[in-house]
Amino acid sequence: MDQAISENGVEKVRMLPSEDDEHGGVIVEMEEPMDPNDFSVALRCSLSQWKLQGKKGVWIKLPIELVNLVETAVKEGFRYHHAEPHYLMLVYWIPETPNTIPANATHRLRIGAIIMNEKRELLVVLEKHGRSKGTGMWKIPTGILEEGEDIFSGARREVKEETGIDAEFIDVLAFR
């Protein structure tokens, strides 16, 4: 990445290449070698822009060959998420809200809640996030358990978050 001086003398900085993820964040897959100083400037510029855009999490996938950029990213507030034989994944949470990036990538527990009233009517919601967002598809309330949260608490929390309803947990119907 190179920086350019425009005709009026203002320095232009290119943002890091990124793609939106399905959870309101961005994924940066670094492929080309870069000077750590240039990376630092581009990273700060990109973080400012993503914050203005309302992005949440930032994932930077660094191939082992670009290990020289790790220190720069960590100094900007990124933390290690996971590593594979050929890359290191770093993450950063932008908003001043609780961080919902999972602590590690070994597993995530998802739950779905079937809620019925005394008339045997099923509670369904429109998806606000993920692949089904904006499709008009109705579904049962679902979500991801937080680290250390038990299934009962997580099911009640997800139903409350998605519907505003306090539900009673009765039983586990299925586990996959």
N, C-alpha and C. Protein backbone atom coordinates (compact mmCIF):
# COMPACT_ATOMS: atom_id res chain seq x y z
N MET A 1 0.85 -1.17 0.00
CA MET A 1 0.00 0.00 0.00
C MET A 1 0.89 1.23 0.00
N ASP A 2 0.60 2.15 -0.89
CA ASP A 2 1.40 3.36 -0.89
C ASP A 2 0.51 4.56 -0.63
N GLN A 3 1.10 5.55 -0.01
CA GLN A 3 0.38 6.77 0.27
C GLN A 3 0.71 7.74 -0.85
N ALA A 4 -0.24 8.59 -1.18
CA ALA A 4 -0.03 9.53 -2.28
C ALA A 4 -0.33 10.94 -1.81
N ILE A 5 0.39 11.89 -2.37
CA ILE A 5 0.12 13.30 -2.11
C ILE A 5 -0.70 13.82 -3.28
N SER A 6 -1.87 14.38 -2.99
CA SER A 6 -2.71 14.90 -4.06
C SER A 6 -2.20 16.27 -4.50
N GLU A 7 -2.84 16.83 -5.52
CA GLU A 7 -2.41 18.10 -6.09
C GLU A 7 -2.43 19.24 -5.07
N ASN A 8 -3.38 19.19 -4.13
CA ASN A 8 -3.48 20.27 -3.15
C ASN A 8 -2.59 20.03 -1.93
N GLY A 9 -1.73 19.01 -1.99
CA GLY A 9 -0.79 18.76 -0.91
C GLY A 9 -1.33 17.94 0.23
N VAL A 10 -2.58 17.50 0.16
CA VAL A 10 -3.17 16.69 1.21
C VAL A 10 -2.78 15.23 0.99
N GLU A 11 -2.33 14.61 2.05
CA GLU A 11 -1.91 13.22 1.94
C GLU A 11 -3.14 12.32 1.92
N LYS A 12 -3.22 11.44 0.94
CA LYS A 12 -4.31 10.47 0.86
C LYS A 12 -3.81 9.14 1.40
N VAL A 13 -4.60 8.52 2.23
CA VAL A 13 -4.24 7.22 2.78
C VAL A 13 -5.29 6.22 2.33
N ARG A 14 -4.85 5.13 1.75
CA ARG A 14 -5.78 4.09 1.33
C ARG A 14 -6.17 3.25 2.53
N MET A 15 -7.45 2.88 2.58
CA MET A 15 -7.92 1.99 3.64
C MET A 15 -7.45 0.58 3.36
N LEU A 16 -7.44 -0.22 4.39
CA LEU A 16 -7.11 -1.63 4.22
C LEU A 16 -8.22 -2.32 3.43
N PRO A 17 -7.87 -3.29 2.60
CA PRO A 17 -8.90 -4.01 1.84
C PRO A 17 -9.75 -4.83 2.80
N SER A 18 -11.07 -4.70 2.70
CA SER A 18 -11.95 -5.42 3.63
C SER A 18 -13.24 -5.83 2.95
N GLU A 19 -13.89 -6.79 3.57
CA GLU A 19 -15.22 -7.23 3.14
C GLU A 19 -16.11 -7.21 4.37
N ASP A 20 -17.37 -6.84 4.18
CA ASP A 20 -18.32 -6.88 5.28
C ASP A 20 -18.60 -8.32 5.65
N ASP A 21 -18.77 -8.57 6.96
CA ASP A 21 -19.20 -9.90 7.36
C ASP A 21 -20.70 -9.85 7.63
N GLU A 22 -21.29 -10.98 7.95
CA GLU A 22 -22.75 -11.02 8.13
C GLU A 22 -23.19 -10.60 9.52
N HIS A 23 -22.27 -10.12 10.35
CA HIS A 23 -22.63 -9.72 11.71
C HIS A 23 -22.36 -8.24 11.97
N GLY A 24 -22.25 -7.45 10.92
CA GLY A 24 -22.03 -6.01 11.09
C GLY A 24 -20.59 -5.61 11.26
N GLY A 25 -19.67 -6.49 10.95
CA GLY A 25 -18.25 -6.19 11.06
C GLY A 25 -17.56 -6.27 9.73
N VAL A 26 -16.24 -6.28 9.77
CA VAL A 26 -15.45 -6.39 8.54
C VAL A 26 -14.34 -7.42 8.72
N ILE A 27 -13.95 -8.00 7.59
CA ILE A 27 -12.86 -8.97 7.56
C ILE A 27 -11.78 -8.41 6.64
N VAL A 28 -10.56 -8.34 7.15
CA VAL A 28 -9.41 -7.88 6.38
C VAL A 28 -8.51 -9.09 6.17
N GLU A 29 -8.27 -9.44 4.91
CA GLU A 29 -7.34 -10.53 4.61
C GLU A 29 -6.09 -9.93 3.99
N MET A 30 -5.08 -9.79 4.79
CA MET A 30 -3.82 -9.21 4.32
C MET A 30 -3.10 -10.24 3.45
N GLU A 31 -2.66 -9.81 2.29
CA GLU A 31 -1.96 -10.72 1.38
C GLU A 31 -0.62 -10.17 0.92
N GLU A 32 -0.54 -8.86 0.78
CA GLU A 32 0.67 -8.23 0.25
C GLU A 32 1.55 -7.73 1.39
N PRO A 33 2.87 -7.86 1.25
CA PRO A 33 3.78 -7.30 2.25
C PRO A 33 3.56 -5.80 2.39
N MET A 34 3.77 -5.29 3.60
CA MET A 34 3.55 -3.88 3.86
C MET A 34 4.50 -3.41 4.94
N ASP A 35 4.98 -2.21 4.82
CA ASP A 35 5.80 -1.61 5.85
C ASP A 35 4.93 -1.39 7.10
N PRO A 36 5.42 -1.75 8.28
CA PRO A 36 4.62 -1.58 9.50
C PRO A 36 4.14 -0.15 9.73
N ASN A 37 4.92 0.85 9.35
CA ASN A 37 4.49 2.24 9.51
C ASN A 37 3.32 2.56 8.58
N ASP A 38 3.39 2.11 7.34
CA ASP A 38 2.28 2.31 6.40
C ASP A 38 1.04 1.55 6.88
N PHE A 39 1.26 0.36 7.40
CA PHE A 39 0.16 -0.45 7.92
C PHE A 39 -0.51 0.27 9.09
N SER A 40 0.29 0.86 9.97
CA SER A 40 -0.25 1.58 11.13
C SER A 40 -1.15 2.73 10.70
N VAL A 41 -0.70 3.50 9.73
CA VAL A 41 -1.48 4.64 9.23
C VAL A 41 -2.77 4.15 8.58
N ALA A 42 -2.67 3.14 7.74
CA ALA A 42 -3.84 2.59 7.05
C ALA A 42 -4.82 1.97 8.05
N LEU A 43 -4.30 1.32 9.07
CA LEU A 43 -5.15 0.68 10.07
C LEU A 43 -5.92 1.74 10.85
N ARG A 44 -5.24 2.80 11.29
CA ARG A 44 -5.92 3.88 12.03
C ARG A 44 -7.00 4.55 11.16
N CYS A 45 -6.66 4.81 9.90
CA CYS A 45 -7.61 5.41 8.97
C CYS A 45 -8.82 4.49 8.77
N SER A 46 -8.55 3.22 8.58
CA SER A 46 -9.62 2.25 8.36
C SER A 46 -10.52 2.13 9.59
N LEU A 47 -9.91 2.06 10.78
CA LEU A 47 -10.70 1.97 12.01
C LEU A 47 -11.61 3.19 12.17
N SER A 48 -11.10 4.37 11.86
CA SER A 48 -11.92 5.59 11.94
C SER A 48 -13.10 5.51 10.98
N GLN A 49 -12.85 5.06 9.77
CA GLN A 49 -13.91 4.95 8.77
C GLN A 49 -14.93 3.89 9.18
N TRP A 50 -14.46 2.74 9.64
CA TRP A 50 -15.39 1.68 10.04
C TRP A 50 -16.24 2.12 11.24
N LYS A 51 -15.66 2.89 12.14
CA LYS A 51 -16.42 3.40 13.28
C LYS A 51 -17.53 4.32 12.79
N LEU A 52 -17.21 5.22 11.85
CA LEU A 52 -18.22 6.11 11.27
C LEU A 52 -19.32 5.32 10.56
N GLN A 53 -18.96 4.19 9.97
CA GLN A 53 -19.93 3.35 9.26
C GLN A 53 -20.75 2.49 10.22
N GLY A 54 -20.44 2.53 11.52
CA GLY A 54 -21.20 1.73 12.49
C GLY A 54 -20.81 0.27 12.53
N LYS A 55 -19.62 -0.05 12.03
CA LYS A 55 -19.16 -1.44 12.05
C LYS A 55 -18.89 -1.87 13.49
N LYS A 56 -18.93 -3.17 13.72
CA LYS A 56 -18.72 -3.70 15.06
C LYS A 56 -17.35 -4.33 15.20
N GLY A 57 -17.23 -5.57 14.81
CA GLY A 57 -15.96 -6.26 14.95
C GLY A 57 -15.10 -6.18 13.71
N VAL A 58 -13.79 -6.17 13.93
CA VAL A 58 -12.84 -6.19 12.81
C VAL A 58 -11.98 -7.44 12.98
N TRP A 59 -11.90 -8.22 11.94
CA TRP A 59 -11.08 -9.43 11.91
C TRP A 59 -9.94 -9.18 10.93
N ILE A 60 -8.71 -9.36 11.37
CA ILE A 60 -7.56 -9.26 10.45
C ILE A 60 -6.89 -10.63 10.39
N LYS A 61 -6.87 -11.17 9.18
CA LYS A 61 -6.22 -12.45 8.94
C LYS A 61 -4.83 -12.16 8.38
N LEU A 62 -3.81 -12.48 9.17
CA LEU A 62 -2.43 -12.23 8.78
C LEU A 62 -1.71 -13.54 8.46
N PRO A 63 -1.30 -13.72 7.21
CA PRO A 63 -0.49 -14.91 6.90
C PRO A 63 0.81 -14.86 7.71
N ILE A 64 1.37 -15.99 7.98
CA ILE A 64 2.62 -16.09 8.74
C ILE A 64 3.71 -15.19 8.13
N GLU A 65 3.71 -15.07 6.82
CA GLU A 65 4.72 -14.25 6.14
C GLU A 65 4.63 -12.78 6.52
N LEU A 66 3.49 -12.34 7.05
CA LEU A 66 3.31 -10.92 7.42
C LEU A 66 3.35 -10.72 8.93
N VAL A 67 4.08 -11.57 9.61
CA VAL A 67 4.18 -11.50 11.06
C VAL A 67 4.71 -10.14 11.53
N ASN A 68 5.41 -9.43 10.67
CA ASN A 68 5.95 -8.11 11.04
C ASN A 68 4.85 -7.09 11.34
N LEU A 69 3.59 -7.39 10.99
CA LEU A 69 2.49 -6.46 11.22
C LEU A 69 1.74 -6.72 12.53
N VAL A 70 2.04 -7.84 13.19
CA VAL A 70 1.31 -8.21 14.41
C VAL A 70 1.49 -7.16 15.50
N GLU A 71 2.72 -6.76 15.77
CA GLU A 71 2.98 -5.79 16.85
C GLU A 71 2.22 -4.49 16.61
N THR A 72 2.18 -4.04 15.37
CA THR A 72 1.47 -2.81 15.03
C THR A 72 -0.02 -2.94 15.34
N ALA A 73 -0.61 -4.05 14.93
CA ALA A 73 -2.05 -4.25 15.18
C ALA A 73 -2.34 -4.34 16.68
N VAL A 74 -1.51 -5.05 17.43
CA VAL A 74 -1.71 -5.18 18.87
C VAL A 74 -1.60 -3.81 19.56
N LYS A 75 -0.67 -2.99 19.11
CA LYS A 75 -0.54 -1.64 19.68
C LYS A 75 -1.77 -0.78 19.41
N GLU A 76 -2.52 -1.09 18.35
CA GLU A 76 -3.75 -0.35 18.03
C GLU A 76 -4.96 -0.92 18.77
N GLY A 77 -4.76 -1.96 19.57
CA GLY A 77 -5.86 -2.51 20.36
C GLY A 77 -6.38 -3.86 19.91
N PHE A 78 -5.80 -4.43 18.87
CA PHE A 78 -6.22 -5.76 18.43
C PHE A 78 -5.72 -6.80 19.42
N ARG A 79 -6.44 -7.92 19.49
CA ARG A 79 -6.01 -9.02 20.34
C ARG A 79 -6.00 -10.30 19.50
N TYR A 80 -5.24 -11.26 20.00
CA TYR A 80 -5.19 -12.57 19.33
C TYR A 80 -6.53 -13.26 19.47
N HIS A 81 -7.00 -13.88 18.40
CA HIS A 81 -8.22 -14.67 18.47
C HIS A 81 -7.91 -16.15 18.31
N HIS A 82 -7.29 -16.49 17.20
CA HIS A 82 -6.87 -17.88 16.99
C HIS A 82 -5.76 -17.93 15.95
N ALA A 83 -5.11 -19.06 15.91
CA ALA A 83 -4.02 -19.26 14.95
C ALA A 83 -4.19 -20.61 14.27
N GLU A 84 -3.81 -20.66 13.04
CA GLU A 84 -3.77 -21.88 12.25
C GLU A 84 -2.35 -22.01 11.74
N PRO A 85 -1.99 -23.13 11.13
CA PRO A 85 -0.61 -23.30 10.69
C PRO A 85 -0.10 -22.20 9.75
N HIS A 86 -0.99 -21.57 8.97
CA HIS A 86 -0.53 -20.61 7.97
C HIS A 86 -0.96 -19.17 8.22
N TYR A 87 -1.73 -18.91 9.29
CA TYR A 87 -2.15 -17.54 9.56
C TYR A 87 -2.48 -17.33 11.03
N LEU A 88 -2.56 -16.05 11.39
CA LEU A 88 -2.96 -15.62 12.73
C LEU A 88 -4.17 -14.71 12.55
N MET A 89 -5.22 -14.90 13.36
CA MET A 89 -6.40 -14.06 13.29
C MET A 89 -6.41 -13.12 14.48
N LEU A 90 -6.50 -11.82 14.19
CA LEU A 90 -6.57 -10.79 15.22
C LEU A 90 -7.96 -10.16 15.17
N VAL A 91 -8.46 -9.69 16.33
CA VAL A 91 -9.79 -9.08 16.37
C VAL A 91 -9.78 -7.78 17.15
N TYR A 92 -10.76 -6.94 16.83
CA TYR A 92 -10.91 -5.63 17.49
C TYR A 92 -12.40 -5.33 17.56
N TRP A 93 -12.87 -4.89 18.72
CA TRP A 93 -14.28 -4.53 18.91
C TRP A 93 -14.36 -3.02 18.89
N ILE A 94 -15.15 -2.45 17.99
CA ILE A 94 -15.22 -1.00 17.81
C ILE A 94 -16.18 -0.30 18.77
N PRO A 95 -17.46 -0.70 18.85
CA PRO A 95 -18.40 0.10 19.64
C PRO A 95 -18.11 0.06 21.14
N GLU A 96 -18.63 1.06 21.83
CA GLU A 96 -18.47 1.10 23.28
C GLU A 96 -19.63 0.35 23.93
N THR A 97 -19.79 -0.88 23.53
CA THR A 97 -20.81 -1.80 24.05
C THR A 97 -20.08 -3.08 24.42
N PRO A 98 -20.75 -3.97 25.16
CA PRO A 98 -20.08 -5.24 25.47
C PRO A 98 -19.64 -5.97 24.19
N ASN A 99 -18.42 -6.48 24.22
CA ASN A 99 -17.83 -7.19 23.11
C ASN A 99 -18.51 -8.54 22.95
N THR A 100 -19.06 -8.82 21.76
CA THR A 100 -19.72 -10.10 21.51
C THR A 100 -18.90 -11.04 20.65
N ILE A 101 -17.64 -10.70 20.41
CA ILE A 101 -16.76 -11.62 19.68
C ILE A 101 -16.44 -12.77 20.62
N PRO A 102 -16.66 -14.02 20.18
CA PRO A 102 -16.39 -15.15 21.06
C PRO A 102 -14.91 -15.19 21.48
N ALA A 103 -14.67 -15.67 22.69
CA ALA A 103 -13.33 -15.68 23.25
C ALA A 103 -12.37 -16.54 22.44
N ASN A 104 -12.87 -17.58 21.82
CA ASN A 104 -12.02 -18.43 21.00
C ASN A 104 -12.87 -19.09 19.92
N ALA A 105 -12.23 -19.73 19.01
CA ALA A 105 -12.95 -20.29 17.86
C ALA A 105 -13.13 -21.80 17.94
N THR A 106 -13.04 -22.37 19.13
CA THR A 106 -13.16 -23.82 19.21
C THR A 106 -14.59 -24.28 19.00
N HIS A 107 -15.56 -23.51 19.48
CA HIS A 107 -16.95 -23.86 19.31
C HIS A 107 -17.85 -22.70 19.72
N ARG A 108 -19.07 -22.76 19.26
CA ARG A 108 -20.09 -21.80 19.67
C ARG A 108 -21.36 -22.60 19.88
N LEU A 109 -22.03 -22.33 20.97
CA LEU A 109 -23.29 -23.02 21.24
C LEU A 109 -24.44 -22.13 20.84
N ARG A 110 -25.24 -22.65 19.94
CA ARG A 110 -26.43 -21.92 19.47
C ARG A 110 -27.66 -22.54 20.10
N ILE A 111 -28.63 -21.69 20.36
CA ILE A 111 -29.89 -22.21 20.91
C ILE A 111 -31.05 -21.66 20.09
N GLY A 112 -32.12 -22.38 20.12
CA GLY A 112 -33.39 -21.93 19.55
C GLY A 112 -34.46 -22.22 20.58
N ALA A 113 -35.42 -21.33 20.71
CA ALA A 113 -36.46 -21.49 21.73
C ALA A 113 -37.83 -21.60 21.08
N ILE A 114 -38.52 -22.66 21.43
CA ILE A 114 -39.90 -22.84 20.96
C ILE A 114 -40.80 -22.35 22.09
N ILE A 115 -41.52 -21.29 21.82
CA ILE A 115 -42.38 -20.65 22.82
C ILE A 115 -43.82 -20.77 22.35
N MET A 116 -44.65 -21.39 23.21
CA MET A 116 -46.08 -21.52 22.90
C MET A 116 -46.88 -20.95 24.05
N ASN A 117 -48.00 -20.32 23.71
CA ASN A 117 -48.88 -19.82 24.75
C ASN A 117 -49.97 -20.85 25.04
N GLU A 118 -50.90 -20.48 25.92
CA GLU A 118 -51.96 -21.43 26.31
C GLU A 118 -52.88 -21.79 25.15
N LYS A 119 -52.90 -20.98 24.08
CA LYS A 119 -53.70 -21.29 22.89
C LYS A 119 -52.92 -22.15 21.90
N ARG A 120 -51.70 -22.54 22.28
CA ARG A 120 -50.80 -23.33 21.46
C ARG A 120 -50.35 -22.57 20.21
N GLU A 121 -50.27 -21.22 20.34
CA GLU A 121 -49.74 -20.38 19.28
C GLU A 121 -48.22 -20.33 19.43
N LEU A 122 -47.52 -20.42 18.32
CA LEU A 122 -46.06 -20.42 18.31
C LEU A 122 -45.53 -19.00 18.13
N LEU A 123 -44.56 -18.62 18.96
CA LEU A 123 -43.94 -17.30 18.87
C LEU A 123 -42.83 -17.35 17.82
N VAL A 124 -42.92 -16.46 16.83
CA VAL A 124 -41.89 -16.37 15.80
C VAL A 124 -41.46 -14.91 15.65
N VAL A 125 -40.27 -14.73 15.08
CA VAL A 125 -39.69 -13.39 14.89
C VAL A 125 -39.11 -13.28 13.50
N LEU A 126 -38.93 -12.03 13.05
CA LEU A 126 -38.19 -11.78 11.82
C LEU A 126 -36.72 -11.61 12.19
N GLU A 127 -35.84 -12.24 11.44
CA GLU A 127 -34.41 -12.17 11.72
C GLU A 127 -33.89 -10.76 11.48
N LYS A 128 -33.12 -10.21 12.44
CA LYS A 128 -32.53 -8.87 12.31
C LYS A 128 -31.08 -8.92 11.85
N HIS A 129 -30.42 -10.07 12.01
CA HIS A 129 -29.00 -10.20 11.69
C HIS A 129 -28.77 -11.50 10.94
N GLY A 130 -27.60 -11.62 10.35
CA GLY A 130 -27.21 -12.88 9.72
C GLY A 130 -27.77 -13.05 8.31
N ARG A 131 -27.70 -14.27 7.83
CA ARG A 131 -28.07 -14.57 6.44
C ARG A 131 -29.54 -14.31 6.12
N SER A 132 -30.42 -14.49 7.11
CA SER A 132 -31.86 -14.34 6.86
C SER A 132 -32.35 -12.90 6.99
N LYS A 133 -31.47 -11.98 7.37
CA LYS A 133 -31.86 -10.58 7.54
C LYS A 133 -32.45 -10.03 6.24
N GLY A 134 -33.60 -9.40 6.36
CA GLY A 134 -34.22 -8.75 5.22
C GLY A 134 -34.92 -9.67 4.24
N THR A 135 -35.01 -10.96 4.56
CA THR A 135 -35.65 -11.90 3.63
C THR A 135 -37.14 -12.05 3.88
N GLY A 136 -37.62 -11.54 5.01
CA GLY A 136 -39.03 -11.71 5.35
C GLY A 136 -39.33 -13.08 5.93
N MET A 137 -38.28 -13.82 6.26
CA MET A 137 -38.45 -15.16 6.79
C MET A 137 -38.74 -15.11 8.30
N TRP A 138 -39.77 -15.82 8.73
CA TRP A 138 -40.12 -15.92 10.14
C TRP A 138 -39.43 -17.14 10.73
N LYS A 139 -39.01 -17.04 11.99
CA LYS A 139 -38.30 -18.15 12.64
C LYS A 139 -38.52 -18.09 14.14
N ILE A 140 -38.13 -19.15 14.81
CA ILE A 140 -38.18 -19.13 16.28
C ILE A 140 -37.02 -18.26 16.79
N PRO A 141 -37.13 -17.71 17.99
CA PRO A 141 -36.00 -16.94 18.54
C PRO A 141 -34.77 -17.84 18.69
N THR A 142 -33.63 -17.35 18.23
CA THR A 142 -32.39 -18.12 18.29
C THR A 142 -31.24 -17.21 18.70
N GLY A 143 -30.13 -17.81 19.05
CA GLY A 143 -28.96 -17.01 19.38
C GLY A 143 -27.80 -17.88 19.81
N ILE A 144 -26.77 -17.21 20.28
CA ILE A 144 -25.54 -17.87 20.71
C ILE A 144 -25.36 -17.68 22.19
N LEU A 145 -25.03 -18.77 22.88
CA LEU A 145 -24.77 -18.67 24.31
C LEU A 145 -23.50 -17.88 24.55
N GLU A 146 -23.51 -17.08 25.59
CA GLU A 146 -22.32 -16.33 25.97
C GLU A 146 -21.38 -17.25 26.75
N GLU A 147 -20.11 -16.89 26.76
CA GLU A 147 -19.12 -17.71 27.45
C GLU A 147 -19.52 -17.89 28.91
N GLY A 148 -19.58 -19.15 29.37
CA GLY A 148 -19.92 -19.46 30.75
C GLY A 148 -21.41 -19.48 31.05
N GLU A 149 -22.25 -19.16 30.07
CA GLU A 149 -23.70 -19.10 30.28
C GLU A 149 -24.30 -20.50 30.12
N ASP A 150 -25.24 -20.87 31.00
CA ASP A 150 -25.88 -22.17 30.84
C ASP A 150 -27.03 -22.08 29.83
N ILE A 151 -27.46 -23.22 29.33
CA ILE A 151 -28.48 -23.28 28.28
C ILE A 151 -29.77 -22.62 28.74
N PHE A 152 -30.19 -22.85 29.97
CA PHE A 152 -31.45 -22.30 30.48
C PHE A 152 -31.42 -20.77 30.46
N SER A 153 -30.36 -20.20 31.02
CA SER A 153 -30.23 -18.74 31.06
C SER A 153 -30.12 -18.16 29.66
N GLY A 154 -29.34 -18.83 28.81
CA GLY A 154 -29.16 -18.35 27.45
C GLY A 154 -30.46 -18.34 26.66
N ALA A 155 -31.26 -19.39 26.80
CA ALA A 155 -32.54 -19.45 26.09
C ALA A 155 -33.47 -18.33 26.56
N ARG A 156 -33.56 -18.13 27.86
CA ARG A 156 -34.40 -17.04 28.40
C ARG A 156 -33.90 -15.68 27.91
N ARG A 157 -32.58 -15.48 27.95
CA ARG A 157 -32.00 -14.21 27.53
C ARG A 157 -32.27 -13.93 26.06
N GLU A 158 -32.06 -14.93 25.20
CA GLU A 158 -32.28 -14.73 23.76
C GLU A 158 -33.75 -14.41 23.47
N VAL A 159 -34.67 -15.10 24.12
CA VAL A 159 -36.10 -14.81 23.92
C VAL A 159 -36.41 -13.39 24.35
N LYS A 160 -35.87 -12.97 25.50
CA LYS A 160 -36.10 -11.61 26.00
C LYS A 160 -35.50 -10.58 25.04
N GLU A 161 -34.28 -10.82 24.56
CA GLU A 161 -33.62 -9.88 23.64
C GLU A 161 -34.39 -9.73 22.33
N GLU A 162 -34.89 -10.83 21.80
CA GLU A 162 -35.52 -10.79 20.48
C GLU A 162 -37.00 -10.43 20.52
N THR A 163 -37.66 -10.64 21.67
CA THR A 163 -39.12 -10.43 21.72
C THR A 163 -39.57 -9.50 22.83
N GLY A 164 -38.73 -9.31 23.86
CA GLY A 164 -39.15 -8.53 25.02
C GLY A 164 -39.98 -9.33 26.00
N ILE A 165 -40.14 -10.62 25.74
CA ILE A 165 -40.98 -11.49 26.58
C ILE A 165 -40.11 -12.27 27.56
N ASP A 166 -40.56 -12.33 28.82
CA ASP A 166 -39.91 -13.18 29.82
C ASP A 166 -40.52 -14.57 29.69
N ALA A 167 -39.71 -15.54 29.31
CA ALA A 167 -40.20 -16.90 29.09
C ALA A 167 -39.72 -17.83 30.20
N GLU A 168 -40.45 -18.88 30.39
CA GLU A 168 -40.06 -19.92 31.35
C GLU A 168 -39.41 -21.06 30.58
N PHE A 169 -38.26 -21.50 31.06
CA PHE A 169 -37.58 -22.61 30.41
C PHE A 169 -38.15 -23.90 31.00
N ILE A 170 -38.62 -24.80 30.12
CA ILE A 170 -39.22 -26.05 30.61
C ILE A 170 -38.32 -27.24 30.34
N ASP A 171 -37.82 -27.38 29.12
CA ASP A 171 -37.07 -28.60 28.81
C ASP A 171 -36.22 -28.41 27.56
N VAL A 172 -35.20 -29.25 27.42
CA VAL A 172 -34.41 -29.32 26.21
C VAL A 172 -35.13 -30.29 25.28
N LEU A 173 -35.43 -29.85 24.05
CA LEU A 173 -36.11 -30.71 23.09
C LEU A 173 -35.15 -31.44 22.19
N ALA A 174 -34.03 -30.82 21.89
CA ALA A 174 -33.07 -31.46 20.99
C ALA A 174 -31.68 -30.87 21.25
N PHE A 175 -30.68 -31.66 20.92
CA PHE A 175 -29.31 -31.22 21.04
C PHE A 175 -28.57 -31.74 19.84
N ARG A 176 -27.80 -30.89 19.15
CA ARG A 176 -27.10 -31.32 17.95
C ARG A 176 -25.68 -30.85 18.00
